[in-house]
Amino acid sequence: MKSPSVFTDHKEALERSEFQMGVEAGRLAVTLDLLTDALVMVMQHGVYCQSARQPGKPAMDIQTISLNLEQAKELVQSVIGEIRAKQK
């Protein structure tokens, strides 16, 4: 089963962001929003999936996913910053 396209599912957000920031930065801004939403969901899941080795911390897979999402957000933010710097 093919998943719906991001361009269909997030059409309004993409149009708004692309209009405000340009195509590249706008798409990256929507990507950042999607990564943030995913990170929030993973962190909520981490509350219920606790590590057996580290009580009070999420399971190791949740920690790894969270770290990867945070680092992906950092990369996207740096690219948006580069685009803005070049536009000035």
Protein backbone atom coordinates (compact mmCIF):
# COMPACT_ATOMS: atom_id res chain seq x y z
CA MET A 1 0.00 0.00 0.00
CA LYS A 2 1.46 3.31 -1.09
CA SER A 3 1.44 6.08 1.49
CA PRO A 4 0.03 9.46 0.49
CA SER A 5 2.42 12.10 -0.78
CA VAL A 6 3.64 14.78 1.59
CA PHE A 7 2.68 17.25 -1.13
CA THR A 8 -0.94 16.09 -0.82
CA ASP A 9 -1.14 15.62 2.94
CA HIS A 10 0.51 18.94 3.79
CA LYS A 11 -0.51 20.99 0.76
CA GLU A 12 -1.73 24.05 2.69
CA ALA A 13 1.28 24.21 5.01
CA LEU A 14 3.63 23.83 2.04
CA GLU A 15 1.90 26.53 0.03
CA ARG A 16 1.93 28.94 2.97
CA SER A 17 5.57 28.29 3.87
CA GLU A 18 6.79 28.34 0.25
CA PHE A 19 5.03 31.67 -0.29
CA GLN A 20 6.52 33.18 2.88
CA MET A 21 10.06 31.81 2.62
CA GLY A 22 10.58 30.58 -0.93
CA VAL A 23 10.31 27.02 -2.17
CA GLU A 24 13.45 25.54 -0.60
CA ALA A 25 13.22 27.18 2.81
CA GLY A 26 9.46 26.69 2.91
CA ARG A 27 9.76 22.97 2.30
CA LEU A 28 12.47 22.72 4.91
CA ALA A 29 10.27 24.59 7.38
CA VAL A 30 7.45 22.07 6.84
CA THR A 31 10.00 19.27 7.18
CA LEU A 32 11.08 20.77 10.49
CA ASP A 33 7.45 20.83 11.65
CA LEU A 34 7.01 17.18 10.68
CA LEU A 35 10.20 16.20 12.50
CA THR A 36 9.03 18.10 15.57
CA ASP A 37 5.66 16.32 15.49
CA ALA A 38 7.42 12.95 15.16
CA LEU A 39 9.76 13.79 18.05
CA VAL A 40 6.83 14.71 20.29
CA MET A 41 5.10 11.41 19.51
CA VAL A 42 8.28 9.42 20.16
CA MET A 43 8.84 11.20 23.46
CA GLN A 44 5.25 10.48 24.53
CA HIS A 45 5.79 6.84 23.65
CA GLY A 46 9.02 6.89 25.63
CA VAL A 47 7.08 7.67 28.79
CA TYR A 48 5.43 4.25 28.55
CA CYS A 49 8.41 2.27 27.20
CA GLN A 50 10.93 2.54 29.99
CA SER A 51 14.44 1.10 29.87
CA ALA A 52 15.04 -1.98 32.00
CA ARG A 53 18.70 -0.96 32.45
CA GLN A 54 18.08 2.72 33.11
CA PRO A 55 14.93 3.23 35.19
CA GLY A 56 13.25 6.55 34.46
CA LYS A 57 14.68 6.72 30.92
CA PRO A 58 13.03 5.65 27.69
CA ALA A 59 13.99 2.33 26.11
CA MET A 60 17.22 2.43 24.10
CA ASP A 61 15.46 2.34 20.72
CA ILE A 62 13.32 5.33 21.75
CA GLN A 63 16.46 7.18 22.88
CA THR A 64 18.13 6.47 19.52
CA ILE A 65 15.10 7.57 17.51
CA SER A 66 14.82 10.75 19.59
CA LEU A 67 18.49 11.56 19.08
CA ASN A 68 18.25 10.99 15.32
CA LEU A 69 15.17 13.22 15.06
CA GLU A 70 16.83 15.97 17.10
CA GLN A 71 19.94 15.81 14.93
CA ALA A 72 17.86 15.84 11.74
CA LYS A 73 16.09 18.95 13.03
CA GLU A 74 19.47 20.57 13.72
CA LEU A 75 20.61 19.89 10.15
CA VAL A 76 17.38 21.28 8.67
CA GLN A 77 17.67 24.39 10.85
CA SER A 78 21.25 24.92 9.68
CA VAL A 79 20.19 24.67 6.01
CA ILE A 80 17.36 27.17 6.57
CA GLY A 81 19.92 29.49 8.18
CA GLU A 82 22.24 29.13 5.19
CA ILE A 83 19.42 29.89 2.76
CA ARG A 84 18.42 32.98 4.73
CA ALA A 85 22.02 34.19 4.88
CA LYS A 86 22.37 33.87 1.11
CA GLN A 87 19.12 35.80 0.55
CA LYS A 88 20.45 38.85 2.41
